[in-house]
Amino acid sequence: MDIIIEEQDGCLWVAATERHRIEGLEVDPAHELVRWGSIYWARVDRIDARLDAAFVDLDGDVTGILHNRDVRVKSPEGEWIKGGQQPIGKILRAGQHILVQSKQGYLEPEFEDERAYEDKCPVVSMEIAIQGRYLIHTPLDHENRISSRIRDKKLRKQLTEMLSHMPDVRGCILRAAALNTQSDVLIRESRILRAVWEGLSQYAQGEDSILIMDGPDALQRSLSDNSLKSIRRIEVVTMDHFATAEDWCELFAPDLVTKIKPVEIKNATKDLALLDHYDLIKPIESLFQPYALLTGGANILIQGTAALTAIDVNRGADKNSNLTINLEAATEAIRQIRIRNLGGIIMIDFLRLKSDQERKQLLTHIEDLVNDDPCTVQIHGFTALGLLEVSRQRRTPTLFERVGHMFEEG
C-alpha cells in the first residue's frame, strides 16, 4: 500500500492506494471547525432537560452537545461512573468546567444541511480516548480491553491473557492492528500515550474554554487505520508534509520512517499535483457520482436520503450468475461506503438469490469486507423484503460534505 499526501488551499488530502486504486481517502477541509477526537476544557453553558443533555462552550466560538449517556463523574470513592443513571441536571450545572472530547468532526454551519438545532452541534463526550497505532488509551478506565472489532472468542481470550502479563499497559484498548505485535512495542506505546495524557491534563484548569489537543489529522488517521497492511511508501511533495509524517512515525511507527519519500514532479505547485501525477483525480471525481461501474458490466446506484442511504445492484450487460454479480457488487459497495464515508442506515438491494446458502455466502463475504473499515460497521441481515440492512458509525462528515463543493459542475 502507498500513502499519498497532498494539500490544496489549506485542505489536507491523504489517499491510501493499492496498485494505483484508491482504498482509503481522508480529507481535512479548511472549513472544519472541530476535528474528530479533539480534547477541550469546556464550560457548561446550559442544561436542556428535554434532551437530557448539556450544551458546552468548547473554545469561545463553537458550542457542543453532551448527552447524559456520555457524562463521566467521580464517585465519593474516586471511581468514574457513567452517566444516565439520573437526570443530567443533577450531575452538571451551568458554569461548571469539564474535560470533553469530540465524537465527530464538525464543519462550518454553511456547509451543513438544514437540521434541528441540537443536530448542528458537534457531539462530545467526557470519556477520553487517546489513539495510538496499536492501542487506545482510556485514562478514566484502569482496566484493559480488547477492541470489539476482534470477534474471535478464542483470540480475544488469548489477547486478554497476554495483557494480564503486561502490568505496564494500563487503561488501554488493544486495537485490531496490534495482532502479532511484540509486547515491548505495546509497552512503549502505552507509555507514550500515558505521557500524552499527563501532559494535556495539566491544561484542564482555569476559567477559559480552550482547545487542549487537536484530534488526529488525515495523515495520522490514514497511517493508524492501515497499520495492519504493508505500507510500501509514504509519498509527499513538500518538506512540511515530510516533517509531519516523520514526527508521527518516529513516535508511533519507527518502522515507517524510512518509507517516507519526497517525490519530485513537474508542476509540483499545481493543485493536487501528486494525486494528478498518479492519475487519481478522475477516480476521486467518480466518488461524487451516484453510481459505480463493475468490471462485468453490472453497476450499483448510490442514493442518499435524509433517513438512509440506498444502494441498488443492477445487472446491466453482465451475463454472470446473480451470486457472482452480488459478490462483486458487495466488494465495490463496501469500498464506496468506506471511501465516501457514508454513515447511518444503509440498505443494499442485491439481485435475488436462489437459496439460503447463497445468502449466507454473500453475508460471510460482506462480514470479511467490513473488517477493513476503521469505523464501526454492523451487518443486521436481510429484511423481510430481501434488502440487506447495514449501519455504520462515522467519525467525520461524508466526503461530499467535506470537499464536494470542489467537484460540483459549474
Protein backbone atom coordinates (compact mmCIF):
# COMPACT_ATOMS: atom_id res chain seq x y z
CA MET A 1 0.00 0.00 0.00
CA ASP A 2 1.12 3.55 -0.78
CA ILE A 3 0.11 6.60 1.26
CA ILE A 4 -0.01 9.82 -0.80
CA ILE A 5 -0.10 13.18 0.99
CA GLU A 6 -1.36 16.33 -0.72
CA GLU A 7 -2.64 19.79 0.17
CA GLN A 8 -4.79 22.34 -1.61
CA ASP A 9 -5.92 25.70 -0.20
CA GLY A 10 -5.37 24.55 3.37
CA CYS A 11 -7.18 21.24 2.75
CA LEU A 12 -5.11 18.14 3.59
CA TRP A 13 -5.66 15.09 1.36
CA VAL A 14 -4.31 11.62 2.17
CA ALA A 15 -5.02 8.76 -0.22
CA ALA A 16 -4.25 5.12 0.53
CA THR A 17 -3.77 3.19 -2.71
CA GLU A 18 -3.11 -0.39 -3.71
CA ARG A 19 -1.96 -0.95 -7.30
CA HIS A 20 -2.96 2.69 -8.02
CA ARG A 21 -6.53 2.01 -6.87
CA ILE A 22 -7.93 4.14 -4.07
CA GLU A 23 -8.73 2.07 -0.97
CA GLY A 24 -8.90 4.91 1.53
CA LEU A 25 -9.28 8.69 1.37
CA GLU A 26 -9.00 11.01 4.34
CA VAL A 27 -9.50 14.77 3.99
CA ASP A 28 -9.19 17.63 6.47
CA PRO A 29 -11.08 20.57 4.92
CA ALA A 30 -10.06 24.12 5.77
CA HIS A 31 -13.62 24.84 6.95
CA GLU A 32 -13.64 22.12 9.63
CA LEU A 33 -14.17 23.83 12.99
CA VAL A 34 -13.95 20.73 15.18
CA ARG A 35 -11.83 17.71 14.36
CA TRP A 36 -12.84 14.25 15.50
CA GLY A 37 -11.01 13.30 18.70
CA SER A 38 -10.13 16.86 19.76
CA ILE A 39 -9.99 17.46 23.52
CA TYR A 40 -11.35 20.64 25.15
CA TRP A 41 -11.50 22.25 28.57
CA ALA A 42 -15.14 23.28 28.18
CA ARG A 43 -17.69 25.28 30.15
CA VAL A 44 -21.26 24.10 30.64
CA ASP A 45 -23.45 26.84 29.15
CA ARG A 46 -26.88 25.41 29.92
CA ILE A 47 -28.72 22.23 30.77
CA ASP A 48 -31.54 21.10 28.47
CA ALA A 49 -33.88 18.89 30.48
CA ARG A 50 -35.94 17.96 27.39
CA LEU A 51 -32.89 16.50 25.64
CA ASP A 52 -31.31 15.33 28.92
CA ALA A 53 -28.13 16.97 27.65
CA ALA A 54 -25.81 19.89 28.31
CA PHE A 55 -24.66 22.49 25.80
CA VAL A 56 -20.99 23.28 26.40
CA ASP A 57 -18.75 26.10 25.16
CA LEU A 58 -15.73 24.40 23.60
CA ASP A 59 -13.40 27.25 22.71
CA GLY A 60 -15.32 30.52 22.89
CA ASP A 61 -16.68 30.11 19.34
CA VAL A 62 -18.16 26.62 19.00
CA THR A 63 -20.85 25.03 21.18
CA GLY A 64 -21.00 21.25 21.62
CA ILE A 65 -23.72 18.96 22.95
CA LEU A 66 -23.02 16.47 25.75
CA HIS A 67 -25.66 13.78 26.18
CA ASN A 68 -26.25 12.24 29.59
CA ARG A 69 -25.00 8.83 28.43
CA ASP A 70 -21.59 10.41 27.68
CA VAL A 71 -21.18 12.01 31.13
CA ARG A 72 -18.43 10.65 33.40
CA VAL A 73 -18.23 11.72 37.05
CA LYS A 74 -16.21 10.57 40.04
CA SER A 75 -17.91 8.77 42.88
CA PRO A 76 -17.03 9.62 46.53
CA GLU A 77 -14.72 6.60 46.37
CA GLY A 78 -12.86 8.09 43.41
CA GLU A 79 -14.26 5.73 40.76
CA TRP A 80 -15.52 7.04 37.43
CA ILE A 81 -19.25 6.48 36.95
CA LYS A 82 -21.10 6.56 33.62
CA GLY A 83 -23.99 8.97 33.21
CA GLY A 84 -27.58 8.05 32.50
CA GLN A 85 -28.48 6.90 36.00
CA GLN A 86 -30.08 10.23 36.90
CA PRO A 87 -31.04 13.43 35.01
CA ILE A 88 -28.04 15.35 33.75
CA GLY A 89 -29.20 18.45 35.63
CA LYS A 90 -28.42 16.64 38.89
CA ILE A 91 -24.89 15.86 37.73
CA LEU A 92 -23.71 19.03 35.97
CA ARG A 93 -24.51 22.71 36.45
CA ALA A 94 -24.21 25.79 34.27
CA GLY A 95 -20.82 27.49 34.62
CA GLN A 96 -19.02 24.26 35.54
CA HIS A 97 -15.83 23.39 33.61
CA ILE A 98 -15.31 19.85 32.33
CA LEU A 99 -12.90 17.98 30.08
CA VAL A 100 -14.59 16.70 26.90
CA GLN A 101 -13.63 15.09 23.61
CA SER A 102 -15.38 15.47 20.26
CA LYS A 103 -17.02 12.30 18.96
CA GLN A 104 -17.32 13.62 15.40
CA GLY A 105 -15.93 16.20 13.03
CA TYR A 106 -17.90 19.42 12.58
CA LEU A 107 -17.91 21.79 9.62
CA GLU A 108 -18.78 25.45 9.43
CA PRO A 109 -22.62 25.86 9.52
CA GLU A 110 -22.91 26.96 5.86
CA PHE A 111 -21.50 23.59 4.84
CA GLU A 112 -24.08 21.68 6.91
CA ASP A 113 -27.56 20.61 5.80
CA GLU A 114 -30.65 22.07 7.46
CA ARG A 115 -31.17 20.19 10.71
CA ALA A 116 -32.59 20.61 14.19
CA TYR A 117 -30.55 22.95 16.40
CA GLU A 118 -29.16 20.17 18.57
CA ASP A 119 -28.02 18.29 15.44
CA LYS A 120 -25.96 21.29 14.33
CA CYS A 121 -23.66 20.99 17.33
CA PRO A 122 -20.67 18.66 17.50
CA VAL A 123 -21.33 15.77 19.88
CA VAL A 124 -18.82 15.50 22.72
CA SER A 125 -18.13 13.00 25.49
CA MET A 126 -16.44 13.10 28.89
CA GLU A 127 -14.96 9.66 28.18
CA ILE A 128 -11.50 10.50 26.86
CA ALA A 129 -9.69 8.19 24.40
CA ILE A 130 -6.21 8.92 23.01
CA GLN A 131 -5.35 6.96 19.89
CA GLY A 132 -2.04 5.38 19.05
CA ARG A 133 -1.12 2.91 16.36
CA TYR A 134 -1.86 -0.27 18.32
CA LEU A 135 -3.55 1.00 21.48
CA ILE A 136 -6.23 3.45 22.53
CA HIS A 137 -5.54 4.91 25.96
CA THR A 138 -8.66 5.47 28.08
CA PRO A 139 -7.31 7.26 31.17
CA LEU A 140 -10.64 7.17 33.04
CA ASP A 141 -10.69 3.38 32.84
CA HIS A 142 -7.92 1.46 34.63
CA GLU A 143 -8.90 -1.85 33.03
CA ASN A 144 -7.55 -3.10 29.72
CA ARG A 145 -9.98 -4.13 27.00
CA ILE A 146 -9.93 -5.81 23.61
CA SER A 147 -11.35 -3.97 20.60
CA SER A 148 -14.86 -5.08 19.69
CA ARG A 149 -13.58 -5.38 16.11
CA ILE A 150 -11.77 -8.57 17.21
CA ARG A 151 -14.69 -11.01 17.16
CA ASP A 152 -12.98 -14.40 17.51
CA LYS A 153 -13.68 -15.56 21.09
CA LYS A 154 -10.59 -17.76 21.33
CA LEU A 155 -8.36 -14.94 20.09
CA ARG A 156 -9.95 -12.44 22.49
CA LYS A 157 -9.22 -14.80 25.36
CA GLN A 158 -5.57 -15.16 24.28
CA LEU A 159 -5.13 -11.39 23.98
CA THR A 160 -6.75 -10.81 27.36
CA GLU A 161 -4.33 -13.31 28.88
CA MET A 162 -1.41 -11.57 27.15
CA LEU A 163 -2.43 -8.17 28.53
CA SER A 164 -2.72 -9.59 32.03
CA HIS A 165 1.04 -10.25 31.94
CA MET A 166 1.85 -6.68 30.88
CA PRO A 167 1.47 -4.52 34.02
CA ASP A 168 2.95 -1.51 32.21
CA VAL A 169 -0.07 -1.45 29.88
CA ARG A 170 -2.97 0.08 31.84
CA GLY A 171 -6.26 1.62 30.82
CA CYS A 172 -5.86 0.67 27.17
CA ILE A 173 -7.98 -0.83 24.41
CA LEU A 174 -5.99 -3.24 22.27
CA ARG A 175 -6.74 -2.42 18.63
CA ALA A 176 -7.10 -5.00 15.88
CA ALA A 177 -3.85 -3.63 14.40
CA ALA A 178 -1.98 -4.97 17.46
CA LEU A 179 -2.37 -8.59 16.42
CA ASN A 180 1.06 -10.26 16.20
CA THR A 181 2.74 -7.16 17.66
CA GLN A 182 5.58 -7.70 20.13
CA SER A 183 4.89 -6.87 23.77
CA ASP A 184 7.77 -4.38 24.04
CA VAL A 185 6.21 -2.35 21.22
CA LEU A 186 2.88 -2.24 23.06
CA ILE A 187 4.56 -1.27 26.34
CA ARG A 188 6.46 1.54 24.60
CA GLU A 189 3.28 2.90 23.01
CA SER A 190 1.35 2.64 26.29
CA ARG A 191 3.98 4.80 27.99
CA ILE A 192 3.84 7.35 25.19
CA LEU A 193 0.04 7.59 25.40
CA ARG A 194 0.14 7.96 29.19
CA ALA A 195 2.71 10.74 28.83
CA VAL A 196 0.42 12.48 26.31
CA TRP A 197 -2.47 12.27 28.78
CA GLU A 198 -0.39 13.55 31.68
CA GLY A 199 0.79 16.46 29.57
CA LEU A 200 -2.62 17.57 28.33
CA SER A 201 -4.45 17.00 31.62
CA GLN A 202 -2.34 19.77 33.14
CA TYR A 203 -4.29 22.22 30.99
CA ALA A 204 -7.66 21.11 32.40
CA GLN A 205 -7.97 24.12 34.67
CA GLY A 206 -8.85 27.79 34.63
CA GLU A 207 -11.93 29.77 33.64
CA ASP A 208 -11.37 29.87 29.86
CA SER A 209 -12.81 27.35 27.41
CA ILE A 210 -9.92 26.17 25.25
CA LEU A 211 -8.83 23.55 22.77
CA ILE A 212 -6.22 21.45 24.57
CA MET A 213 -5.32 18.96 21.84
CA ASP A 214 -6.42 18.54 18.23
CA GLY A 215 -7.67 15.14 17.18
CA PRO A 216 -5.70 13.01 14.68
CA ASP A 217 -5.37 14.66 11.28
CA ALA A 218 -5.97 12.98 7.92
CA LEU A 219 -2.41 11.64 7.78
CA GLN A 220 -2.49 10.24 11.31
CA ARG A 221 -5.89 8.63 10.72
CA SER A 222 -4.72 7.07 7.47
CA LEU A 223 -1.49 5.67 8.93
CA SER A 224 -3.28 4.38 12.02
CA ASP A 225 -6.17 2.84 10.07
CA ASN A 226 -3.84 0.99 7.71
CA SER A 227 -1.44 -0.34 10.33
CA LEU A 228 -2.40 -3.94 9.58
CA LYS A 229 -1.41 -3.55 5.94
CA SER A 230 2.06 -3.49 4.45
CA ILE A 231 2.84 0.17 3.72
CA ARG A 232 5.35 0.39 0.88
CA ARG A 233 5.82 4.16 0.58
CA ILE A 234 4.57 7.37 2.19
CA GLU A 235 4.89 9.96 -0.56
CA VAL A 236 4.98 13.75 -0.15
CA VAL A 237 5.87 16.75 -2.30
CA THR A 238 6.65 19.29 0.42
CA MET A 239 9.05 19.19 3.34
CA ASP A 240 6.26 20.35 5.66
CA HIS A 241 4.37 17.13 4.94
CA PHE A 242 7.62 15.16 5.24
CA ALA A 243 8.18 16.60 8.72
CA THR A 244 4.57 15.93 9.77
CA ALA A 245 4.75 12.30 8.65
CA GLU A 246 8.19 11.85 10.23
CA ASP A 247 7.07 13.26 13.60
CA TRP A 248 4.15 10.83 13.88
CA CYS A 249 6.10 7.83 12.60
CA GLU A 250 9.04 8.45 14.94
CA LEU A 251 6.60 8.40 17.85
CA PHE A 252 4.24 5.57 16.91
CA ALA A 253 5.68 3.77 13.88
CA PRO A 254 9.50 3.89 13.76
CA ASP A 255 9.47 1.14 11.13
CA LEU A 256 7.77 3.51 8.67
CA VAL A 257 10.23 6.43 8.96
CA THR A 258 12.45 5.12 6.14
CA LYS A 259 9.39 4.74 3.90
CA ILE A 260 8.64 8.48 3.79
CA LYS A 261 9.74 9.61 0.33
CA PRO A 262 9.76 13.15 -1.14
CA VAL A 263 8.63 12.93 -4.76
CA GLU A 264 9.97 15.31 -7.39
CA ILE A 265 7.42 16.01 -10.11
CA LYS A 266 6.82 18.71 -12.69
CA ASN A 267 4.38 21.47 -11.73
CA ALA A 268 4.61 20.48 -8.08
CA THR A 269 2.79 23.67 -7.06
CA LYS A 270 -0.24 22.78 -9.18
CA ASP A 271 -3.43 21.91 -7.27
CA LEU A 272 -3.34 18.26 -6.16
CA ALA A 273 -0.22 17.74 -8.29
CA LEU A 274 0.80 14.46 -6.66
CA LEU A 275 -2.66 12.94 -6.98
CA ASP A 276 -2.70 14.09 -10.60
CA HIS A 277 0.76 12.55 -11.12
CA TYR A 278 -0.70 9.14 -10.23
CA ASP A 279 -3.86 9.69 -12.30
CA LEU A 280 -6.08 9.71 -9.22
CA ILE A 281 -8.10 12.85 -9.95
CA LYS A 282 -10.67 11.09 -12.16
CA PRO A 283 -11.14 8.22 -9.67
CA ILE A 284 -11.71 10.83 -6.95
CA GLU A 285 -14.19 12.71 -9.15
CA SER A 286 -16.07 9.43 -9.71
CA LEU A 287 -16.72 9.24 -5.96
CA PHE A 288 -19.16 12.14 -6.36
CA GLN A 289 -21.22 10.32 -8.97
CA PRO A 290 -24.41 8.45 -7.91
CA TYR A 291 -23.15 5.19 -9.38
CA ALA A 292 -20.16 2.88 -9.66
CA LEU A 293 -19.43 0.53 -12.56
CA LEU A 294 -18.44 -3.11 -12.07
CA THR A 295 -15.99 -4.99 -14.28
CA GLY A 296 -18.54 -7.46 -15.66
CA GLY A 297 -20.93 -4.79 -16.91
CA ALA A 298 -23.18 -4.53 -13.86
CA ASN A 299 -23.38 -1.38 -11.72
CA ILE A 300 -24.51 -0.08 -8.37
CA LEU A 301 -26.57 3.07 -7.81
CA ILE A 302 -25.99 5.04 -4.60
CA GLN A 303 -28.73 7.39 -3.44
CA GLY A 304 -28.72 9.28 -0.16
CA THR A 305 -31.85 10.46 1.65
CA ALA A 306 -32.42 12.22 4.97
CA ALA A 307 -33.18 8.88 6.65
CA LEU A 308 -30.79 6.43 4.98
CA THR A 309 -28.54 5.57 2.04
CA ALA A 310 -29.96 3.20 -0.58
CA ILE A 311 -27.66 1.11 -2.80
CA ASP A 312 -29.22 -0.74 -5.72
CA VAL A 313 -27.44 -3.50 -7.65
CA ASN A 314 -28.25 -3.63 -11.39
CA ARG A 315 -27.30 -6.47 -13.73
CA GLY A 316 -26.69 -4.31 -16.80
CA ALA A 317 -24.98 -6.36 -19.52
CA ASP A 318 -23.39 -8.81 -17.09
CA LYS A 319 -24.10 -12.44 -18.05
CA ASN A 320 -22.79 -13.97 -14.81
CA SER A 321 -24.98 -15.56 -12.14
CA ASN A 322 -26.78 -13.41 -9.60
CA LEU A 323 -24.47 -14.65 -6.86
CA THR A 324 -21.31 -13.78 -8.83
CA ILE A 325 -22.63 -10.30 -9.60
CA ASN A 326 -23.71 -9.78 -5.98
CA LEU A 327 -20.30 -10.76 -4.64
CA GLU A 328 -18.57 -8.24 -6.92
CA ALA A 329 -21.22 -5.62 -6.13
CA ALA A 330 -20.74 -6.19 -2.41
CA THR A 331 -16.97 -5.66 -2.70
CA GLU A 332 -17.47 -2.38 -4.56
CA ALA A 333 -20.36 -1.21 -2.36
CA ILE A 334 -18.39 -1.69 0.87
CA ARG A 335 -15.42 0.09 -0.72
CA GLN A 336 -17.62 3.00 -1.81
CA ILE A 337 -19.21 3.23 1.65
CA ARG A 338 -15.77 3.38 3.25
CA ILE A 339 -14.19 5.89 0.87
CA ARG A 340 -17.25 8.15 0.58
CA ASN A 341 -17.53 7.86 4.37
CA LEU A 342 -21.25 7.12 4.33
CA GLY A 343 -22.91 6.55 7.69
CA GLY A 344 -26.13 5.79 9.48
CA ILE A 345 -28.57 3.28 7.98
CA ILE A 346 -27.57 1.76 4.64
CA MET A 347 -29.93 -0.52 2.69
CA ILE A 348 -28.49 -2.63 -0.15
CA ASP A 349 -30.84 -4.18 -2.72
CA PHE A 350 -28.94 -7.13 -4.20
CA LEU A 351 -30.11 -9.30 -7.09
CA ARG A 352 -32.41 -12.11 -5.98
CA LEU A 353 -30.57 -15.22 -4.78
CA LYS A 354 -31.75 -18.81 -5.15
CA SER A 355 -31.15 -20.18 -1.68
CA ASP A 356 -30.31 -19.50 1.95
CA GLN A 357 -26.87 -20.98 1.27
CA GLU A 358 -26.17 -18.27 -1.34
CA ARG A 359 -27.39 -15.56 1.04
CA LYS A 360 -25.10 -16.96 3.76
CA GLN A 361 -22.16 -16.94 1.33
CA LEU A 362 -22.88 -13.30 0.47
CA LEU A 363 -23.18 -12.33 4.15
CA THR A 364 -19.89 -14.05 5.02
CA HIS A 365 -18.19 -12.18 2.17
CA ILE A 366 -19.53 -8.84 3.40
CA GLU A 367 -18.54 -9.53 7.02
CA ASP A 368 -14.97 -10.15 5.83
CA LEU A 369 -15.02 -6.92 3.80
CA VAL A 370 -16.10 -4.64 6.65
CA ASN A 371 -13.12 -5.76 8.72
CA ASP A 372 -11.06 -3.30 6.65
CA ASP A 373 -13.27 -0.38 7.70
CA PRO A 374 -11.80 1.77 10.51
CA CYS A 375 -15.31 2.78 11.57
CA THR A 376 -17.80 0.54 13.36
CA VAL A 377 -19.95 -1.32 10.83
CA GLN A 378 -22.79 -3.65 11.79
CA ILE A 379 -24.44 -6.12 9.43
CA HIS A 380 -28.05 -6.58 10.53
CA GLY A 381 -29.04 -9.18 7.94
CA PHE A 382 -31.74 -9.32 5.28
CA THR A 383 -35.13 -7.68 5.86
CA ALA A 384 -38.44 -9.34 5.04
CA LEU A 385 -38.29 -7.62 1.64
CA GLY A 386 -34.85 -9.04 0.91
CA LEU A 387 -32.83 -5.85 1.49
CA LEU A 388 -29.55 -6.08 3.37
CA GLU A 389 -29.52 -3.69 6.33
CA VAL A 390 -26.18 -2.20 7.36
CA SER A 391 -25.30 0.56 9.82
CA ARG A 392 -22.04 2.49 10.02
CA GLN A 393 -20.87 4.97 12.65
CA ARG A 394 -18.84 7.76 11.06
CA ARG A 395 -16.06 9.76 12.72
CA THR A 396 -16.05 12.66 10.27
CA PRO A 397 -18.51 14.26 7.81
CA THR A 398 -19.02 12.49 4.49
CA LEU A 399 -16.56 13.03 1.66
CA PHE A 400 -19.21 15.06 -0.19
CA GLU A 401 -19.80 17.31 2.82
CA ARG A 402 -16.06 17.89 3.20
CA VAL A 403 -14.99 18.57 -0.38
CA GLY A 404 -17.99 18.04 -2.66
CA HIS A 405 -18.17 21.76 -3.48
CA MET A 406 -14.81 21.41 -5.25
CA PHE A 407 -16.27 18.92 -7.76
CA GLU A 408 -19.68 20.43 -8.41
CA GLU A 409 -20.35 21.25 -12.03
CA GLY A 410 -20.08 24.88 -12.95
